[in-house]
Every structure is written in structure tokens, then in C-alpha cells.
Amino acid sequence: MATIIISYGFSMLLQNTKSKILLWAAIIISASPLIVNRIVGFCGKMEYYSVFEHLIVPLGLSFYTMQMIAYLVDIYTDKIEPQKNILKYALFISFFPQIIQGPIPRYEQLGNQLFEGHSFDDRKLMRGIQLIIWGFFLKFMIADKAGIVVDTVFDGFEGYRGLFVLIAGVLYSLQLYTDFLACVTLSQGMAMLFGIELIDNFNHPYFADSIKDFWRRWHISLSSWLRDYIYIPLGGNRKGALRKNINLLATFVVSGIWHGGGFKYLFWGMMHGIYQVVESLVPYFSRKFTGPAKAFRVLINFFLVMIAWIIFRADTLRIGLRMIYRMVSKFNPWILFDGSLYNLGLHEKEWKVLFVSLLVLLYVSRKQEKGVVLRDVFETYNMAFRWVIYIGAIVTIWVFGTYGLGYNANDFIYGGF
């Protein structure tokens, strides 16, 4: 509430006073809770850490802070007019479906939708329900199942080497994607029930054939925010190759710090920055490929992203680096056939459900990549058949989803950032 009131006051001042000092003051003060949180994260177990360790982090802190910064900068650059009604501004900042973990909306994308009013639209209602069902499928059928194996290996990393770590890294990559996509899909579905459309935040990032392409597809609202409010203001690619690469590294440092206070996040951001710098320097990565050559590029790109995700998921940077070393220091393919995987928390039938669910995700993603909008296809079916599919999907998730007696509903992963 305090940052909403403060940023609102600064927005009124910026409308009439185009002062960089005022803009920077507005940004720093509005972002101060996030800045304090990140500083505490870097402090680790230093003596004065205990003073801050019991602070309660506001829900959606990283996400609504970026909304505020974008809003203030857009007013300063005359891209938008400030919202004079503080209650409407508060609604824009705290709109409940997307505050937990995005997507990060711009005022021009979401503002008018929140204020103009919407009549009941049964088509949008049904599309919202479809998105909600798909979100639950991604969360319960893939993300939380994969998370059991991931937690087993990462929490007891000293006992695992070789393919155990590789499989955990691959599953974490899939868990993070489907968990994040699930929450965003649920957000879009809930907003759609009210006739409000939130932007897409993903475009099948694991189909990317370069790190640059990956960041066009992953967490799109964050990537575009970093581009518009960090990379371009630093000079973008307008001041030569050296400056461009420095700007890239600086942008990904900000991305790492945004995700969390701690050196592992900083290192993860630097990895992606270095990936892109290398891509810009090696002509091979600028060439376009098709067929098997493109598939090979996609696999290599996924592997590089997965290596960075291991650092991201590990408790500390040191543990992450040790896990990568342990992954490459032993070759143990027999674990795929001797039942060892069943000791990682998932029984044989659960592995099969996870595998089939991933095939469903792959099928849907391939269709979407080719421009097929499955919601439009559904509308061509008669109502009875559509409801058979909806109810069948809900029952399938109830029966095969990862929850039940003793189940601890996991928070959405990106809600922690």
C-alpha cells in the first residue's frame, strides 16, 4: 500500500516535471522493499543478517515493482498519461490473477481493460475454463510429479552422480517451465472469466535453437521489460559490438539479481549473458538451419539452458557447480534399466503418467508452434462432446495428479522470486 501511494504521488509529479532526478528518486523509493530484500539475500549469514531475516516479503514483490517502474518511466517518456484515480491505479498494480508471478503487464496493455467494464461473454467464460483446466494439468500432472524426483536428487546431491544428476536437471527444466506456465495459464484463465485478456508469457522456449531465441520465448514479459528498461537505455546495440556485449552482460546481471539475492542467481544471469556474447561472436550461431541440423541445435541449446538451471535450483552456487561436475564425472547408463529410477520418489506407474503427460504437452506445443489454436478447434465441436472432454480432463487430473493423503501443495516456484 505504501509503495502504491508513493509511486502514485511521483506519477502525478512526473506528469508536469520531466526531471531525471525525480524519476530516479521515484524508482529507488518504489523499489526499496525489493532492493532491501536482495541485499539481505547477498548478506548470507553475516552478523547483521538476523536483523532482517524475519521480514515478511510482500506477495508478488518482484512483479509489481517492475510494473511500477515501467509505469513511471512510461509517464516520464510521455508514452502514457498517468492514472489520476488512485483506486484505479491500485487495481492495476494489484490485479489479483497476475500479481503472484506475472505476466508483468504494461499499463497500456491492461489499464483500460480493468476500467472499461465488460458484459458477460460465454465464449470468453469457456475459454477461461479451458485455460484453468490446462493450467491444473501442467501443475499436477507434470510439474509436481517431476518435482518429487528433482527434490530427491538436489536435496541429497552427495548420493547421486552421472545420469541421476542429468535426469534431475532435465526434469527440473521441465518442472520450472510447466510450473511457471501453469500459474500464468491459471492467471489468464481467471482473468478471462472477467473478460480480461492477459498477455502470453511463453512461446515454447525449449523449441529455441539459440539462447537469444530462448529469451524471446521464455518469460516474455520479463525479457521485454529488461530490453526496454535496461538494455536499450544502456545503448542497446547502437554503440558498437563491444558496448553491445557489455550491455548484454549488464542486462543479464539485472535479470539474475531480480530472481533473487545470492551469488547463484548472479552467476546464472552471467551464464546467459556469456552464452549470448559467444553466440554473437561465433558465425555458426547466426546461421539458420532446418531439419536434423535444427533439431541438433535445439538439443544443444536445451542442454546449455539446463546446465544453467542446475545452478539456479541448487541451494548454493558451490553445490550447483559440484553437481555439474558430478554429472559429467561418471557414466552410468545402467540406471535406466535396473529400476534405480524408481528409488527417486516416483513409482513405475507415476513415471508412466509423467511420460504420457509430457507427450501430451509436446503434442499441444507442436500444434501451437505451427499456428494451430486448439481453443478455436474446440469451438467447432458440438457442446456435448466438448463437455465430455472437459469432464474427462478434470477426472483424469483428479485421479492421476500428484496430490492426496499427506500431499503438501507446493507453492508455485516463481512465486518465490
Protein backbone atom coordinates (compact mmCIF):
# COMPACT_ATOMS: atom_id res chain seq x y z
CA MET A 1 0.00 0.00 0.00
CA ALA A 2 2.83 2.35 0.84
CA THR A 3 4.63 1.82 -2.46
CA ILE A 4 1.35 2.20 -4.39
CA ILE A 5 0.70 5.55 -2.69
CA ILE A 6 4.29 6.73 -3.13
CA SER A 7 4.57 5.72 -6.80
CA TYR A 8 1.16 7.28 -7.48
CA GLY A 9 2.35 10.56 -5.97
CA PHE A 10 5.52 10.51 -8.08
CA SER A 11 3.49 9.76 -11.22
CA MET A 12 1.48 12.94 -10.64
CA LEU A 13 4.70 14.93 -10.23
CA LEU A 14 6.34 13.38 -13.32
CA GLN A 15 3.39 14.41 -15.46
CA ASN A 16 4.39 18.05 -15.10
CA THR A 17 8.06 17.84 -14.12
CA LYS A 18 10.27 15.90 -16.53
CA SER A 19 13.22 15.58 -14.19
CA LYS A 20 15.62 12.65 -14.28
CA ILE A 21 16.43 13.20 -10.63
CA LEU A 22 12.73 12.96 -9.79
CA LEU A 23 12.41 9.82 -11.93
CA TRP A 24 15.36 8.14 -10.22
CA ALA A 25 14.01 9.09 -6.81
CA ALA A 26 10.63 7.61 -7.77
CA ILE A 27 12.23 4.36 -8.97
CA ILE A 28 14.56 3.92 -5.99
CA ILE A 29 11.91 4.65 -3.37
CA SER A 30 9.26 2.49 -5.09
CA ALA A 31 11.75 -0.35 -5.48
CA SER A 32 13.27 -0.02 -1.99
CA PRO A 33 11.49 -3.08 -0.50
CA LEU A 34 12.81 -5.24 -3.34
CA ILE A 35 16.28 -3.71 -3.05
CA VAL A 36 16.39 -4.40 0.71
CA ASN A 37 15.25 -7.98 0.11
CA ARG A 38 18.01 -8.59 -2.45
CA ILE A 39 20.70 -7.00 -0.25
CA VAL A 40 19.67 -9.30 2.60
CA GLY A 41 19.95 -12.25 0.22
CA PHE A 42 23.55 -11.34 -0.63
CA CYS A 43 24.43 -10.83 3.03
CA GLY A 44 24.00 -14.54 3.68
CA LYS A 45 24.79 -15.38 7.29
CA MET A 46 26.66 -12.21 8.13
CA GLU A 47 26.15 -10.88 11.68
CA TYR A 48 23.56 -8.24 10.86
CA TYR A 49 21.51 -10.62 8.71
CA SER A 50 19.45 -11.62 11.76
CA VAL A 51 18.05 -8.09 11.93
CA PHE A 52 16.26 -8.65 8.62
CA GLU A 53 15.73 -12.40 8.46
CA HIS A 54 12.20 -12.22 9.88
CA LEU A 55 10.95 -9.61 7.40
CA ILE A 56 7.81 -10.73 5.60
CA VAL A 57 8.24 -10.40 1.83
CA PRO A 58 5.10 -8.97 0.17
CA LEU A 59 3.33 -11.28 -2.25
CA GLY A 60 4.39 -10.59 -5.84
CA LEU A 61 7.08 -8.10 -4.76
CA SER A 62 9.35 -8.56 -7.79
CA PHE A 63 6.47 -8.46 -10.24
CA TYR A 64 4.55 -5.42 -9.06
CA THR A 65 7.79 -3.48 -8.50
CA MET A 66 8.60 -3.90 -12.21
CA GLN A 67 5.07 -2.77 -13.06
CA MET A 68 5.60 0.40 -11.04
CA ILE A 69 8.99 1.13 -12.63
CA ALA A 70 7.65 0.64 -16.16
CA TYR A 71 4.64 2.83 -15.35
CA LEU A 72 6.82 5.66 -14.02
CA VAL A 73 9.29 5.51 -16.92
CA ASP A 74 6.48 5.45 -19.48
CA ILE A 75 4.99 8.59 -17.93
CA TYR A 76 8.41 10.28 -17.97
CA THR A 77 8.83 9.47 -21.68
CA ASP A 78 5.25 10.58 -22.47
CA LYS A 79 4.31 7.11 -23.58
CA ILE A 80 1.25 7.10 -21.34
CA GLU A 81 -0.82 9.53 -19.31
CA PRO A 82 -0.86 8.91 -15.54
CA GLN A 83 -3.98 7.45 -13.98
CA LYS A 84 -5.44 10.17 -11.76
CA ASN A 85 -7.77 7.87 -9.83
CA ILE A 86 -5.61 6.24 -7.16
CA LEU A 87 -8.05 3.34 -6.72
CA LYS A 88 -7.83 2.50 -10.42
CA TYR A 89 -4.04 2.73 -10.23
CA ALA A 90 -4.06 0.43 -7.18
CA LEU A 91 -6.21 -2.05 -9.10
CA PHE A 92 -3.71 -2.04 -11.99
CA ILE A 93 -0.79 -2.74 -9.64
CA SER A 94 -2.55 -5.37 -7.52
CA PHE A 95 -4.82 -7.15 -10.03
CA PHE A 96 -5.12 -10.49 -8.23
CA PRO A 97 -4.76 -13.12 -11.02
CA GLN A 98 -1.31 -11.98 -12.13
CA ILE A 99 0.23 -10.46 -9.02
CA ILE A 100 1.71 -13.76 -7.77
CA GLN A 101 4.05 -14.36 -10.70
CA GLY A 102 3.02 -12.41 -13.73
CA PRO A 103 2.86 -11.91 -16.56
CA ILE A 104 4.21 -8.40 -15.91
CA PRO A 105 1.69 -6.13 -17.64
CA ARG A 106 2.26 -2.66 -19.06
CA TYR A 107 -0.32 -0.01 -18.32
CA GLU A 108 -1.31 0.36 -21.96
CA GLN A 109 -1.92 -3.40 -22.17
CA LEU A 110 -4.03 -3.87 -19.05
CA GLY A 111 -5.22 -0.50 -17.76
CA ASN A 112 -8.23 0.15 -19.97
CA GLN A 113 -9.41 -3.46 -19.72
CA LEU A 114 -9.68 -3.09 -15.95
CA PHE A 115 -11.67 0.14 -16.05
CA GLU A 116 -13.95 -0.04 -19.10
CA GLY A 117 -16.37 -2.70 -17.80
CA HIS A 118 -17.30 -5.97 -19.50
CA SER A 119 -20.61 -7.58 -20.31
CA PHE A 120 -20.98 -11.33 -19.82
CA ASP A 121 -19.41 -13.30 -22.68
CA ASP A 122 -20.00 -17.05 -22.57
CA ARG A 123 -17.28 -17.62 -25.20
CA LYS A 124 -14.66 -15.95 -23.01
CA LEU A 125 -16.01 -17.77 -19.95
CA MET A 126 -15.48 -21.14 -21.64
CA ARG A 127 -12.03 -20.14 -22.88
CA GLY A 128 -11.16 -19.18 -19.31
CA ILE A 129 -12.32 -22.57 -18.06
CA GLN A 130 -10.24 -24.31 -20.75
CA LEU A 131 -7.15 -22.38 -19.66
CA ILE A 132 -7.77 -23.21 -15.99
CA ILE A 133 -8.08 -26.95 -16.76
CA TRP A 134 -4.86 -26.82 -18.81
CA GLY A 135 -3.10 -24.97 -16.00
CA PHE A 136 -4.07 -27.66 -13.48
CA PHE A 137 -2.89 -30.35 -15.91
CA LEU A 138 0.53 -28.72 -16.21
CA LYS A 139 0.85 -28.25 -12.43
CA PHE A 140 -0.42 -31.59 -11.11
CA MET A 141 0.41 -33.97 -13.96
CA ILE A 142 3.89 -32.70 -14.83
CA ALA A 143 5.41 -30.04 -12.56
CA ASP A 144 4.63 -31.58 -9.17
CA LYS A 145 5.44 -35.13 -10.33
CA ALA A 146 8.79 -34.05 -11.76
CA GLY A 147 9.39 -32.02 -8.60
CA ILE A 148 9.45 -35.18 -6.45
CA VAL A 149 12.45 -36.56 -8.36
CA VAL A 150 14.10 -33.15 -8.53
CA ASP A 151 13.84 -32.63 -4.76
CA THR A 152 15.16 -36.14 -4.06
CA VAL A 153 18.33 -35.61 -6.13
CA PHE A 154 19.01 -31.95 -5.33
CA ASP A 155 18.36 -32.33 -1.60
CA GLY A 156 20.60 -35.40 -1.38
CA PHE A 157 23.04 -34.50 -4.16
CA GLU A 158 26.02 -36.17 -2.44
CA GLY A 159 24.48 -39.56 -3.17
CA TYR A 160 23.97 -39.07 -6.91
CA ARG A 161 26.28 -38.87 -9.91
CA GLY A 162 26.17 -39.16 -13.68
CA LEU A 163 22.77 -39.73 -15.26
CA PHE A 164 20.98 -39.24 -11.93
CA VAL A 165 22.02 -35.58 -11.96
CA LEU A 166 21.36 -35.23 -15.69
CA ILE A 167 17.83 -36.62 -15.32
CA ALA A 168 17.19 -34.36 -12.34
CA GLY A 169 18.47 -31.37 -14.35
CA VAL A 170 16.23 -32.22 -17.31
CA LEU A 171 13.22 -32.77 -15.05
CA TYR A 172 13.87 -29.50 -13.21
CA SER A 173 13.96 -27.67 -16.54
CA LEU A 174 10.58 -29.20 -17.37
CA GLN A 175 9.24 -28.68 -13.84
CA LEU A 176 10.16 -25.00 -13.80
CA TYR A 177 8.65 -24.42 -17.23
CA THR A 178 5.38 -26.26 -16.61
CA ASP A 179 5.02 -24.87 -13.07
CA PHE A 180 5.50 -21.29 -14.27
CA LEU A 181 3.38 -21.82 -17.38
CA ALA A 182 0.68 -23.41 -15.20
CA CYS A 183 0.40 -20.39 -12.92
CA VAL A 184 0.41 -17.95 -15.83
CA THR A 185 -2.21 -20.07 -17.62
CA LEU A 186 -4.37 -20.11 -14.48
CA SER A 187 -3.92 -16.33 -14.25
CA GLN A 188 -5.00 -15.91 -17.85
CA GLY A 189 -7.95 -18.24 -17.32
CA MET A 190 -9.17 -16.43 -14.20
CA ALA A 191 -8.81 -13.04 -15.88
CA MET A 192 -10.64 -14.35 -18.94
CA LEU A 193 -13.64 -15.24 -16.74
CA PHE A 194 -14.00 -11.48 -16.22
CA GLY A 195 -13.44 -10.72 -19.91
CA ILE A 196 -9.86 -9.50 -19.35
CA GLU A 197 -7.05 -10.80 -21.54
CA LEU A 198 -3.53 -11.08 -20.12
CA ILE A 199 -0.58 -11.33 -22.48
CA ASP A 200 1.13 -14.64 -23.21
CA ASN A 201 4.32 -15.13 -21.21
CA PHE A 202 5.77 -18.13 -23.06
CA ASN A 203 6.21 -19.23 -26.64
CA HIS A 204 7.58 -22.78 -26.33
CA PRO A 205 11.06 -21.77 -25.12
CA TYR A 206 12.54 -25.27 -25.37
CA PHE A 207 11.98 -25.21 -29.12
CA ALA A 208 14.52 -22.37 -29.31
CA ASP A 209 17.69 -23.02 -31.32
CA SER A 210 19.77 -20.29 -29.66
CA ILE A 211 19.95 -18.57 -26.29
CA LYS A 212 18.81 -15.33 -27.91
CA ASP A 213 15.78 -17.16 -29.30
CA PHE A 214 15.19 -18.76 -25.89
CA TRP A 215 14.87 -15.34 -24.26
CA ARG A 216 12.40 -14.25 -26.93
CA ARG A 217 10.25 -17.19 -25.85
CA TRP A 218 10.86 -17.51 -22.07
CA HIS A 219 9.13 -15.21 -19.56
CA ILE A 220 8.36 -12.81 -22.40
CA SER A 221 7.06 -10.03 -20.17
CA LEU A 222 10.33 -10.03 -18.18
CA SER A 223 12.50 -10.29 -21.29
CA SER A 224 10.73 -7.37 -22.95
CA TRP A 225 10.94 -5.37 -19.70
CA LEU A 226 14.70 -5.94 -19.48
CA ARG A 227 15.06 -4.98 -23.13
CA ASP A 228 13.00 -1.78 -22.89
CA TYR A 229 14.11 -0.50 -19.47
CA ILE A 230 17.69 -1.81 -19.11
CA TYR A 231 19.27 -2.88 -22.42
CA ILE A 232 18.01 -0.09 -24.71
CA PRO A 233 18.61 2.75 -22.19
CA LEU A 234 22.18 1.46 -21.77
CA GLY A 235 22.65 1.92 -25.51
CA GLY A 236 21.49 -1.43 -26.85
CA ASN A 237 23.41 -2.34 -29.99
CA ARG A 238 23.75 1.24 -31.19
CA LYS A 239 27.31 1.86 -29.95
CA GLY A 240 29.36 -0.94 -31.47
CA ALA A 241 29.91 -4.63 -30.76
CA LEU A 242 31.95 -4.19 -27.55
CA ARG A 243 29.40 -1.88 -25.95
CA LYS A 244 26.57 -4.17 -27.11
CA ASN A 245 28.15 -7.15 -25.33
CA ILE A 246 28.75 -5.12 -22.16
CA ASN A 247 25.11 -4.03 -22.24
CA LEU A 248 24.02 -7.64 -22.67
CA LEU A 249 26.05 -8.75 -19.66
CA ALA A 250 24.73 -5.86 -17.57
CA THR A 251 21.14 -6.73 -18.53
CA PHE A 252 21.53 -10.34 -17.51
CA VAL A 253 23.17 -9.34 -14.25
CA VAL A 254 19.99 -7.39 -13.52
CA SER A 255 17.95 -10.44 -14.55
CA GLY A 256 19.91 -12.61 -12.12
CA ILE A 257 19.51 -10.16 -9.23
CA TRP A 258 15.80 -9.80 -10.00
CA HIS A 259 15.37 -13.54 -9.48
CA GLY A 260 16.92 -13.48 -6.03
CA GLY A 261 19.58 -12.17 -3.70
CA GLY A 262 22.52 -14.56 -3.80
CA PHE A 263 25.55 -15.32 -5.90
CA LYS A 264 23.97 -18.33 -7.60
CA TYR A 265 21.36 -16.06 -9.24
CA LEU A 266 24.06 -13.59 -10.25
CA PHE A 267 26.14 -16.44 -11.72
CA TRP A 268 23.09 -17.83 -13.53
CA GLY A 269 22.41 -14.44 -15.10
CA MET A 270 26.05 -14.08 -16.12
CA MET A 271 25.94 -17.54 -17.74
CA HIS A 272 23.09 -16.48 -20.00
CA GLY A 273 24.84 -13.20 -20.77
CA ILE A 274 28.05 -15.04 -21.71
CA TYR A 275 26.06 -17.53 -23.79
CA GLN A 276 24.67 -14.65 -25.85
CA VAL A 277 28.03 -12.90 -26.17
CA VAL A 278 29.58 -16.13 -27.51
CA GLU A 279 26.68 -16.56 -29.92
CA SER A 280 27.22 -13.05 -31.28
CA LEU A 281 30.93 -13.76 -31.84
CA VAL A 282 30.63 -17.20 -33.49
CA PRO A 283 29.19 -17.09 -37.06
CA TYR A 284 27.76 -20.62 -36.71
CA PHE A 285 25.08 -19.41 -34.31
CA SER A 286 23.84 -16.71 -36.68
CA ARG A 287 23.07 -19.21 -39.44
CA LYS A 288 19.59 -20.62 -39.98
CA PHE A 289 19.12 -24.38 -40.03
CA THR A 290 16.29 -26.75 -40.86
CA GLY A 291 15.61 -30.45 -40.39
CA PRO A 292 18.08 -32.56 -38.37
CA ALA A 293 20.59 -29.71 -38.09
CA LYS A 294 17.98 -27.51 -36.43
CA ALA A 295 16.92 -30.35 -34.12
CA PHE A 296 20.57 -30.76 -33.07
CA ARG A 297 20.78 -27.03 -32.34
CA VAL A 298 17.60 -27.22 -30.26
CA LEU A 299 19.04 -30.10 -28.20
CA ILE A 300 22.36 -28.31 -27.64
CA ASN A 301 20.51 -25.15 -26.64
CA PHE A 302 18.32 -27.09 -24.20
CA PHE A 303 21.43 -28.68 -22.67
CA LEU A 304 23.08 -25.28 -22.13
CA VAL A 305 19.91 -23.87 -20.56
CA MET A 306 19.60 -26.98 -18.38
CA ILE A 307 23.17 -26.59 -17.09
CA ALA A 308 22.30 -23.04 -16.01
CA TRP A 309 19.08 -24.28 -14.37
CA ILE A 310 21.12 -26.67 -12.19
CA ILE A 311 22.94 -23.63 -10.77
CA PHE A 312 19.58 -21.89 -10.40
CA ARG A 313 17.98 -24.78 -8.47
CA ALA A 314 20.88 -25.78 -6.22
CA ASP A 315 20.92 -24.44 -2.68
CA THR A 316 24.19 -22.57 -3.29
CA LEU A 317 26.49 -21.76 -6.19
CA ARG A 318 29.12 -24.13 -4.81
CA ILE A 319 26.65 -27.03 -4.67
CA GLY A 320 25.44 -26.28 -8.19
CA LEU A 321 28.97 -26.38 -9.59
CA ARG A 322 29.68 -29.62 -7.70
CA MET A 323 26.52 -31.19 -9.13
CA ILE A 324 27.56 -30.30 -12.67
CA TYR A 325 30.97 -31.86 -12.01
CA ARG A 326 29.36 -34.99 -10.55
CA MET A 327 27.09 -35.19 -13.61
CA VAL A 328 30.00 -35.36 -16.07
CA SER A 329 32.41 -37.36 -13.90
CA LYS A 330 30.55 -40.68 -14.14
CA PHE A 331 28.77 -42.54 -16.94
CA ASN A 332 26.13 -44.89 -15.54
CA PRO A 333 23.54 -45.66 -18.25
CA TRP A 334 22.50 -48.88 -16.50
CA ILE A 335 20.34 -46.88 -14.09
CA LEU A 336 17.84 -46.54 -16.93
CA PHE A 337 17.22 -50.30 -16.91
CA ASP A 338 17.89 -51.64 -13.40
CA GLY A 339 15.00 -49.92 -11.59
CA SER A 340 17.18 -47.30 -9.89
CA LEU A 341 14.89 -44.50 -11.10
CA TYR A 342 12.05 -45.96 -9.04
CA ASN A 343 14.01 -45.09 -5.89
CA LEU A 344 13.78 -41.36 -6.62
CA GLY A 345 10.27 -40.93 -5.22
CA LEU A 346 8.11 -41.92 -8.20
CA HIS A 347 6.82 -45.46 -8.65
CA GLU A 348 6.70 -47.11 -12.06
CA LYS A 349 3.10 -46.11 -12.78
CA GLU A 350 3.80 -42.49 -11.83
CA TRP A 351 6.76 -42.41 -14.20
CA LYS A 352 4.43 -43.65 -16.95
CA VAL A 353 1.86 -40.96 -16.15
CA LEU A 354 4.61 -38.31 -16.22
CA PHE A 355 5.91 -39.60 -19.56
CA VAL A 356 2.45 -39.65 -21.16
CA SER A 357 1.71 -36.16 -19.79
CA LEU A 358 4.95 -34.87 -21.33
CA LEU A 359 3.91 -36.39 -24.67
CA VAL A 360 0.59 -34.51 -24.40
CA LEU A 361 2.48 -31.28 -23.70
CA LEU A 362 4.79 -31.94 -26.67
CA TYR A 363 1.81 -32.61 -28.97
CA VAL A 364 -0.03 -29.44 -27.90
CA SER A 365 3.16 -27.36 -28.13
CA ARG A 366 3.93 -28.63 -31.62
CA LYS A 367 0.42 -27.77 -32.75
CA GLN A 368 0.67 -24.29 -31.25
CA GLU A 369 4.11 -23.78 -32.78
CA LYS A 370 2.52 -24.43 -36.19
CA GLY A 371 -0.12 -21.78 -35.52
CA VAL A 372 -2.99 -24.10 -34.56
CA VAL A 373 -5.14 -22.54 -31.81
CA LEU A 374 -6.67 -25.54 -30.07
CA ARG A 375 -9.32 -23.40 -28.36
CA ASP A 376 -10.60 -22.45 -31.81
CA VAL A 377 -10.64 -26.10 -32.81
CA PHE A 378 -12.68 -26.96 -29.71
CA GLU A 379 -15.32 -24.44 -30.70
CA THR A 380 -16.02 -26.42 -33.88
CA TYR A 381 -17.16 -29.42 -31.81
CA ASN A 382 -20.72 -29.71 -30.52
CA MET A 383 -21.32 -28.73 -26.90
CA ALA A 384 -21.92 -32.26 -25.59
CA PHE A 385 -18.63 -33.53 -26.99
CA ARG A 386 -16.75 -30.51 -25.61
CA TRP A 387 -18.11 -31.13 -22.11
CA VAL A 388 -17.19 -34.81 -22.30
CA ILE A 389 -13.61 -33.69 -22.95
CA TYR A 390 -13.67 -31.09 -20.14
CA ILE A 391 -15.07 -33.52 -17.57
CA GLY A 392 -12.73 -36.29 -18.76
CA ALA A 393 -9.75 -33.97 -18.35
CA ILE A 394 -10.84 -32.91 -14.85
CA VAL A 395 -11.37 -36.50 -13.71
CA THR A 396 -8.02 -37.54 -15.21
CA ILE A 397 -6.25 -34.80 -13.24
CA TRP A 398 -8.12 -35.80 -10.07
CA VAL A 399 -7.15 -39.45 -10.45
CA PHE A 400 -3.59 -39.21 -11.76
CA GLY A 401 -2.42 -35.85 -10.44
CA THR A 402 0.25 -35.68 -7.75
CA TYR A 403 -1.63 -34.96 -4.53
CA GLY A 404 -3.59 -36.90 -1.92
CA LEU A 405 -3.12 -38.04 1.67
CA GLY A 406 -0.08 -36.28 3.10
CA TYR A 407 0.34 -34.15 -0.01
CA ASN A 408 1.82 -30.74 0.63
CA ALA A 409 0.61 -28.38 -2.08
CA ASN A 410 3.76 -26.78 -3.43
CA ASP A 411 3.89 -23.06 -3.92
CA PHE A 412 4.36 -22.00 -7.50
CA ILE A 413 8.13 -21.79 -7.98
CA TYR A 414 8.27 -18.30 -9.48
CA GLY A 415 6.10 -17.02 -6.66
CA GLY A 416 9.30 -17.18 -4.62
CA PHE A 417 11.09 -14.68 -6.84
